[in-house]
Amino acid sequence: MKTNKLFFVLAIGALMLSFCQCKENSPVQPVSTNQGVVTGMKIAYVEIDTLLSKYQFYLDLAEDLLRKEENSRLLLSEKANEFQKEVDEYNRKLQNNVFSSQERAQQEANRIGKKQQDVEELNERLSRELAIESQNNSLMISDSIQAYLKDYNVDHGYSVILSKVGDNILLIDPAMNITNEIIEGLNARYNSAK
């Protein structure tokens, strides 16, 4: 029963893909199935890890984000050091009975508590901003790759372009690997837009 369902799903999927061929002038090739094997489709794949390691737009965004992370860390470290100095000074004054009254010591403790809260809020705000920027960068990279692949596929007419990440594809013919072509095209497009 499961084999029939799998065959049916593959046949429907193959049929739908045959209607969605991207190359307008290419004749529609008949799709046939034989024990779950789909023929008549032009398939390629892109190694995402390799693409990202060589895509200049991604590298520029990653470098910019890293610079912002370092700046955030430095700012936070500076504020934390200032806070720690004030805590140490408060403790020294408290031990040496420097405060004129218990009320004055409490006011200083409240001020330091507020400063600690400010440092924690700064940390949360900076972390949130970096997370949002990282998410936006991911969306821009994805949109950039998708847009390029649509343009690329107008001339190449693939029925399916797969993304290969690590070992998520168990076995595939290396001749179907278009990663380097895509990297060259993406970088050329990015450099001309700069």
C-alpha atoms as a PDB file:
ATOM      1  CA  MET A   1       0.000   0.000   0.000  1.00  0.00           C
ATOM      2  CA  LYS A   2       2.823   2.437   0.894  1.00  0.00           C
ATOM      3  CA  THR A   3       4.596   1.667  -2.389  1.00  0.00           C
ATOM      4  CA  ASN A   4       1.476   2.589  -4.359  1.00  0.00           C
ATOM      5  CA  LYS A   5       1.136   5.874  -2.477  1.00  0.00           C
ATOM      6  CA  LEU A   6       4.825   6.682  -3.007  1.00  0.00           C
ATOM      7  CA  PHE A   7       4.519   5.859  -6.710  1.00  0.00           C
ATOM      8  CA  PHE A   8       1.405   8.022  -6.974  1.00  0.00           C
ATOM      9  CA  VAL A   9       3.073  10.977  -5.216  1.00  0.00           C
ATOM     10  CA  LEU A  10       6.174  10.679  -7.410  1.00  0.00           C
ATOM     11  CA  ALA A  11       4.088  10.438 -10.556  1.00  0.00           C
ATOM     12  CA  ILE A  12       2.004  13.499  -9.610  1.00  0.00           C
ATOM     13  CA  GLY A  13       5.157  15.410  -8.639  1.00  0.00           C
ATOM     14  CA  ALA A  14       6.844  14.500 -11.900  1.00  0.00           C
ATOM     15  CA  LEU A  15       3.776  15.497 -13.849  1.00  0.00           C
ATOM     16  CA  MET A  16       3.587  18.861 -12.097  1.00  0.00           C
ATOM     17  CA  LEU A  17       7.291  19.483 -12.676  1.00  0.00           C
ATOM     18  CA  SER A  18       6.950  18.697 -16.360  1.00  0.00           C
ATOM     19  CA  PHE A  19       4.387  21.485 -16.635  1.00  0.00           C
ATOM     20  CA  CYS A  20       6.685  23.906 -14.820  1.00  0.00           C
ATOM     21  CA  GLN A  21       9.689  23.735 -17.123  1.00  0.00           C
ATOM     22  CA  CYS A  22      11.495  27.038 -16.954  1.00  0.00           C
ATOM     23  CA  LYS A  23      12.858  27.204 -20.479  1.00  0.00           C
ATOM     24  CA  GLU A  24      10.076  28.525 -22.689  1.00  0.00           C
ATOM     25  CA  ASN A  25      11.453  27.352 -26.022  1.00  0.00           C
ATOM     26  CA  SER A  26      12.403  23.829 -24.973  1.00  0.00           C
ATOM     27  CA  PRO A  27       9.991  21.099 -25.931  1.00  0.00           C
ATOM     28  CA  VAL A  28       8.199  19.435 -23.059  1.00  0.00           C
ATOM     29  CA  GLN A  29       9.738  16.039 -22.545  1.00  0.00           C
ATOM     30  CA  PRO A  30       7.471  13.210 -21.524  1.00  0.00           C
ATOM     31  CA  VAL A  31       7.941  12.071 -17.971  1.00  0.00           C
ATOM     32  CA  SER A  32       7.770   8.401 -17.281  1.00  0.00           C
ATOM     33  CA  THR A  33       8.192   6.486 -14.085  1.00  0.00           C
ATOM     34  CA  ASN A  34       9.531   3.042 -13.531  1.00  0.00           C
ATOM     35  CA  GLN A  35       9.532   1.775  -9.957  1.00  0.00           C
ATOM     36  CA  GLY A  36       9.783   5.289  -8.520  1.00  0.00           C
ATOM     37  CA  VAL A  37      12.458   6.540 -10.974  1.00  0.00           C
ATOM     38  CA  VAL A  38      11.576   9.741 -12.809  1.00  0.00           C
ATOM     39  CA  THR A  39      13.101  10.255 -16.260  1.00  0.00           C
ATOM     40  CA  GLY A  40      13.005  13.157 -18.683  1.00  0.00           C
ATOM     41  CA  MET A  41      13.866  15.775 -16.064  1.00  0.00           C
ATOM     42  CA  LYS A  42      16.923  17.999 -16.050  1.00  0.00           C
ATOM     43  CA  ILE A  43      18.249  18.145 -12.486  1.00  0.00           C
ATOM     44  CA  ALA A  44      21.205  19.975 -10.923  1.00  0.00           C
ATOM     45  CA  TYR A  45      22.437  20.745  -7.451  1.00  0.00           C
ATOM     46  CA  VAL A  46      24.326  23.475  -5.645  1.00  0.00           C
ATOM     47  CA  GLU A  47      26.589  22.814  -2.667  1.00  0.00           C
ATOM     48  CA  ILE A  48      25.429  25.500  -0.262  1.00  0.00           C
ATOM     49  CA  ASP A  49      28.471  25.294   2.035  1.00  0.00           C
ATOM     50  CA  THR A  50      30.832  25.853  -0.898  1.00  0.00           C
ATOM     51  CA  LEU A  51      28.624  28.579  -2.341  1.00  0.00           C
ATOM     52  CA  LEU A  52      28.543  30.524   0.931  1.00  0.00           C
ATOM     53  CA  SER A  53      32.286  30.176   1.454  1.00  0.00           C
ATOM     54  CA  LYS A  54      32.908  31.831  -1.940  1.00  0.00           C
ATOM     55  CA  TYR A  55      29.941  34.181  -2.415  1.00  0.00           C
ATOM     56  CA  GLN A  56      31.330  37.691  -1.879  1.00  0.00           C
ATOM     57  CA  PHE A  57      27.979  39.215  -0.866  1.00  0.00           C
ATOM     58  CA  TYR A  58      27.626  36.631   1.908  1.00  0.00           C
ATOM     59  CA  LEU A  59      31.254  37.145   2.966  1.00  0.00           C
ATOM     60  CA  ASP A  60      30.802  40.935   3.076  1.00  0.00           C
ATOM     61  CA  LEU A  61      27.617  40.650   5.144  1.00  0.00           C
ATOM     62  CA  ALA A  62      29.255  38.130   7.493  1.00  0.00           C
ATOM     63  CA  GLU A  63      32.300  40.383   7.936  1.00  0.00           C
ATOM     64  CA  ASP A  64      30.077  43.401   8.621  1.00  0.00           C
ATOM     65  CA  LEU A  65      28.042  41.439  11.172  1.00  0.00           C
ATOM     66  CA  LEU A  66      31.223  40.173  12.836  1.00  0.00           C
ATOM     67  CA  ARG A  67      32.511  43.747  13.079  1.00  0.00           C
ATOM     68  CA  LYS A  68      29.226  44.822  14.696  1.00  0.00           C
ATOM     69  CA  GLU A  69      29.395  41.871  17.109  1.00  0.00           C
ATOM     70  CA  GLU A  70      32.925  42.872  18.112  1.00  0.00           C
ATOM     71  CA  ASN A  71      31.867  46.511  18.590  1.00  0.00           C
ATOM     72  CA  SER A  72      28.913  45.379  20.693  1.00  0.00           C
ATOM     73  CA  ARG A  73      31.163  43.147  22.787  1.00  0.00           C
ATOM     74  CA  LEU A  74      33.635  46.000  23.310  1.00  0.00           C
ATOM     75  CA  LEU A  75      30.875  48.428  24.298  1.00  0.00           C
ATOM     76  CA  LEU A  76      29.332  45.901  26.658  1.00  0.00           C
ATOM     77  CA  SER A  77      32.716  45.049  28.144  1.00  0.00           C
ATOM     78  CA  GLU A  78      33.433  48.743  28.680  1.00  0.00           C
ATOM     79  CA  LYS A  79      30.088  49.278  30.435  1.00  0.00           C
ATOM     80  CA  ALA A  80      30.550  46.117  32.529  1.00  0.00           C
ATOM     81  CA  ASN A  81      34.035  47.257  33.581  1.00  0.00           C
ATOM     82  CA  GLU A  82      32.690  50.694  34.564  1.00  0.00           C
ATOM     83  CA  PHE A  83      29.944  49.006  36.557  1.00  0.00           C
ATOM     84  CA  GLN A  84      32.404  46.673  38.296  1.00  0.00           C
ATOM     85  CA  LYS A  85      34.638  49.628  39.257  1.00  0.00           C
ATOM     86  CA  GLU A  86      31.641  51.377  40.805  1.00  0.00           C
ATOM     87  CA  VAL A  87      30.674  48.209  42.704  1.00  0.00           C
ATOM     88  CA  ASP A  88      34.242  47.838  43.984  1.00  0.00           C
ATOM     89  CA  GLU A  89      34.318  51.522  45.005  1.00  0.00           C
ATOM     90  CA  TYR A  90      30.952  51.184  46.762  1.00  0.00           C
ATOM     91  CA  ASN A  91      32.131  48.097  48.660  1.00  0.00           C
ATOM     92  CA  ARG A  92      35.364  49.857  49.679  1.00  0.00           C
ATOM     93  CA  LYS A  93      33.410  52.872  50.960  1.00  0.00           C
ATOM     94  CA  LEU A  94      30.960  50.610  52.773  1.00  0.00           C
ATOM     95  CA  GLN A  95      33.746  48.682  54.516  1.00  0.00           C
ATOM     96  CA  ASN A  96      35.528  51.887  55.547  1.00  0.00           C
ATOM     97  CA  ASN A  97      32.304  53.566  56.770  1.00  0.00           C
ATOM     98  CA  VAL A  98      32.805  56.453  54.360  1.00  0.00           C
ATOM     99  CA  PHE A  99      29.082  57.063  53.805  1.00  0.00           C
ATOM    100  CA  SER A 100      27.686  59.825  55.996  1.00  0.00           C
ATOM    101  CA  SER A 101      24.520  57.870  56.721  1.00  0.00           C
ATOM    102  CA  GLN A 102      22.775  54.585  56.087  1.00  0.00           C
ATOM    103  CA  GLU A 103      20.399  56.490  53.813  1.00  0.00           C
ATOM    104  CA  ARG A 104      23.287  57.757  51.678  1.00  0.00           C
ATOM    105  CA  ALA A 105      24.698  54.198  51.391  1.00  0.00           C
ATOM    106  CA  GLN A 106      21.264  52.966  50.284  1.00  0.00           C
ATOM    107  CA  GLN A 107      21.000  55.719  47.668  1.00  0.00           C
ATOM    108  CA  GLU A 108      24.369  54.692  46.252  1.00  0.00           C
ATOM    109  CA  ALA A 109      23.331  51.003  46.278  1.00  0.00           C
ATOM    110  CA  ASN A 110      20.146  51.926  44.387  1.00  0.00           C
ATOM    111  CA  ARG A 111      22.152  53.904  41.837  1.00  0.00           C
ATOM    112  CA  ILE A 112      24.501  50.961  41.305  1.00  0.00           C
ATOM    113  CA  GLY A 113      21.522  48.596  41.019  1.00  0.00           C
ATOM    114  CA  LYS A 114      20.085  50.849  38.309  1.00  0.00           C
ATOM    115  CA  LYS A 115      23.440  50.841  36.528  1.00  0.00           C
ATOM    116  CA  GLN A 116      23.482  47.028  36.619  1.00  0.00           C
ATOM    117  CA  GLN A 117      19.989  46.975  35.130  1.00  0.00           C
ATOM    118  CA  ASP A 118      21.149  49.387  32.394  1.00  0.00           C
ATOM    119  CA  VAL A 119      24.088  47.105  31.523  1.00  0.00           C
ATOM    120  CA  GLU A 120      21.765  44.066  31.353  1.00  0.00           C
ATOM    121  CA  GLU A 121      19.289  45.965  29.148  1.00  0.00           C
ATOM    122  CA  LEU A 122      22.133  47.080  26.883  1.00  0.00           C
ATOM    123  CA  ASN A 123      23.264  43.464  26.550  1.00  0.00           C
ATOM    124  CA  GLU A 124      19.718  42.344  25.658  1.00  0.00           C
ATOM    125  CA  ARG A 125      19.244  45.198  23.186  1.00  0.00           C
ATOM    126  CA  LEU A 126      22.570  44.580  21.435  1.00  0.00           C
ATOM    127  CA  SER A 127      21.901  40.831  21.264  1.00  0.00           C
ATOM    128  CA  ARG A 128      18.426  41.433  19.855  1.00  0.00           C
ATOM    129  CA  GLU A 129      19.749  43.885  17.236  1.00  0.00           C
ATOM    130  CA  LEU A 130      22.451  41.441  16.137  1.00  0.00           C
ATOM    131  CA  ALA A 131      19.943  38.581  15.918  1.00  0.00           C
ATOM    132  CA  ILE A 132      17.605  40.715  13.788  1.00  0.00           C
ATOM    133  CA  GLU A 133      20.447  41.778  11.519  1.00  0.00           C
ATOM    134  CA  SER A 134      21.627  38.180  11.182  1.00  0.00           C
ATOM    135  CA  GLN A 135      18.109  37.090  10.255  1.00  0.00           C
ATOM    136  CA  ASN A 136      17.796  39.941   7.726  1.00  0.00           C
ATOM    137  CA  ASN A 137      21.169  38.997   6.233  1.00  0.00           C
ATOM    138  CA  SER A 138      20.018  35.399   5.844  1.00  0.00           C
ATOM    139  CA  LEU A 139      16.883  36.573   4.053  1.00  0.00           C
ATOM    140  CA  MET A 140      18.887  38.848   1.741  1.00  0.00           C
ATOM    141  CA  ILE A 141      21.299  36.028   0.872  1.00  0.00           C
ATOM    142  CA  SER A 142      18.442  33.609   0.245  1.00  0.00           C
ATOM    143  CA  ASP A 143      16.571  36.149  -1.898  1.00  0.00           C
ATOM    144  CA  SER A 144      19.728  36.943  -3.833  1.00  0.00           C
ATOM    145  CA  ILE A 145      20.430  33.281  -4.574  1.00  0.00           C
ATOM    146  CA  GLN A 146      16.808  32.538  -5.480  1.00  0.00           C
ATOM    147  CA  ALA A 147      16.593  35.541  -7.807  1.00  0.00           C
ATOM    148  CA  TYR A 148      19.854  34.608  -9.509  1.00  0.00           C
ATOM    149  CA  LEU A 149      18.782  30.980  -9.930  1.00  0.00           C
ATOM    150  CA  LYS A 150      15.541  32.092 -11.602  1.00  0.00           C
ATOM    151  CA  ASP A 151      17.505  34.201 -14.089  1.00  0.00           C
ATOM    152  CA  TYR A 152      20.136  31.488 -14.544  1.00  0.00           C
ATOM    153  CA  ASN A 153      17.509  28.857 -15.184  1.00  0.00           C
ATOM    154  CA  VAL A 154      15.891  30.815 -18.030  1.00  0.00           C
ATOM    155  CA  ASP A 155      18.866  29.803 -20.192  1.00  0.00           C
ATOM    156  CA  HIS A 156      19.578  26.412 -18.642  1.00  0.00           C
ATOM    157  CA  GLY A 157      16.073  24.955 -18.250  1.00  0.00           C
ATOM    158  CA  TYR A 158      16.482  22.776 -15.200  1.00  0.00           C
ATOM    159  CA  SER A 159      13.358  21.087 -13.882  1.00  0.00           C
ATOM    160  CA  VAL A 160      14.847  20.940 -10.395  1.00  0.00           C
ATOM    161  CA  ILE A 161      17.835  22.601  -8.737  1.00  0.00           C
ATOM    162  CA  LEU A 162      18.577  21.001  -5.381  1.00  0.00           C
ATOM    163  CA  SER A 163      20.503  22.478  -2.485  1.00  0.00           C
ATOM    164  CA  LYS A 164      23.118  20.155  -1.035  1.00  0.00           C
ATOM    165  CA  VAL A 165      24.086  20.901   2.541  1.00  0.00           C
ATOM    166  CA  GLY A 166      26.578  18.545   4.114  1.00  0.00           C
ATOM    167  CA  ASP A 167      25.388  15.037   3.394  1.00  0.00           C
ATOM    168  CA  ASN A 168      21.644  15.681   3.016  1.00  0.00           C
ATOM    169  CA  ILE A 169      21.783  14.039  -0.439  1.00  0.00           C
ATOM    170  CA  LEU A 170      23.011  10.485  -0.117  1.00  0.00           C
ATOM    171  CA  LEU A 171      24.167   9.954  -3.694  1.00  0.00           C
ATOM    172  CA  ILE A 172      24.213  12.195  -6.741  1.00  0.00           C
ATOM    173  CA  ASP A 173      26.206  12.351  -9.940  1.00  0.00           C
ATOM    174  CA  PRO A 174      28.916  15.032  -9.606  1.00  0.00           C
ATOM    175  CA  ALA A 175      28.225  16.032 -13.212  1.00  0.00           C
ATOM    176  CA  MET A 176      24.986  17.601 -11.917  1.00  0.00           C
ATOM    177  CA  ASN A 177      26.949  19.985  -9.690  1.00  0.00           C
ATOM    178  CA  ILE A 178      26.524  23.579 -10.909  1.00  0.00           C
ATOM    179  CA  THR A 179      27.950  25.204  -7.765  1.00  0.00           C
ATOM    180  CA  ASN A 180      30.954  26.873  -9.411  1.00  0.00           C
ATOM    181  CA  GLU A 181      28.830  28.302 -12.239  1.00  0.00           C
ATOM    182  CA  ILE A 182      26.403  29.740  -9.706  1.00  0.00           C
ATOM    183  CA  ILE A 183      29.220  31.193  -7.566  1.00  0.00           C
ATOM    184  CA  GLU A 184      30.797  32.867 -10.611  1.00  0.00           C
ATOM    185  CA  GLY A 185      27.463  34.295 -11.713  1.00  0.00           C
ATOM    186  CA  LEU A 186      26.473  35.502  -8.238  1.00  0.00           C
ATOM    187  CA  ASN A 187      29.848  37.167  -7.687  1.00  0.00           C
ATOM    188  CA  ALA A 188      29.790  38.799 -11.128  1.00  0.00           C
ATOM    189  CA  ARG A 189      26.287  40.114 -10.466  1.00  0.00           C
ATOM    190  CA  TYR A 190      27.247  41.357  -6.988  1.00  0.00           C
ATOM    191  CA  ASN A 191      30.466  43.014  -8.127  1.00  0.00           C
ATOM    192  CA  SER A 192      28.705  44.814 -10.970  1.00  0.00           C
ATOM    193  CA  ALA A 193      26.052  46.087  -8.510  1.00  0.00           C
ATOM    194  CA  LYS A 194      28.725  47.408  -6.114  1.00  0.00           C
END
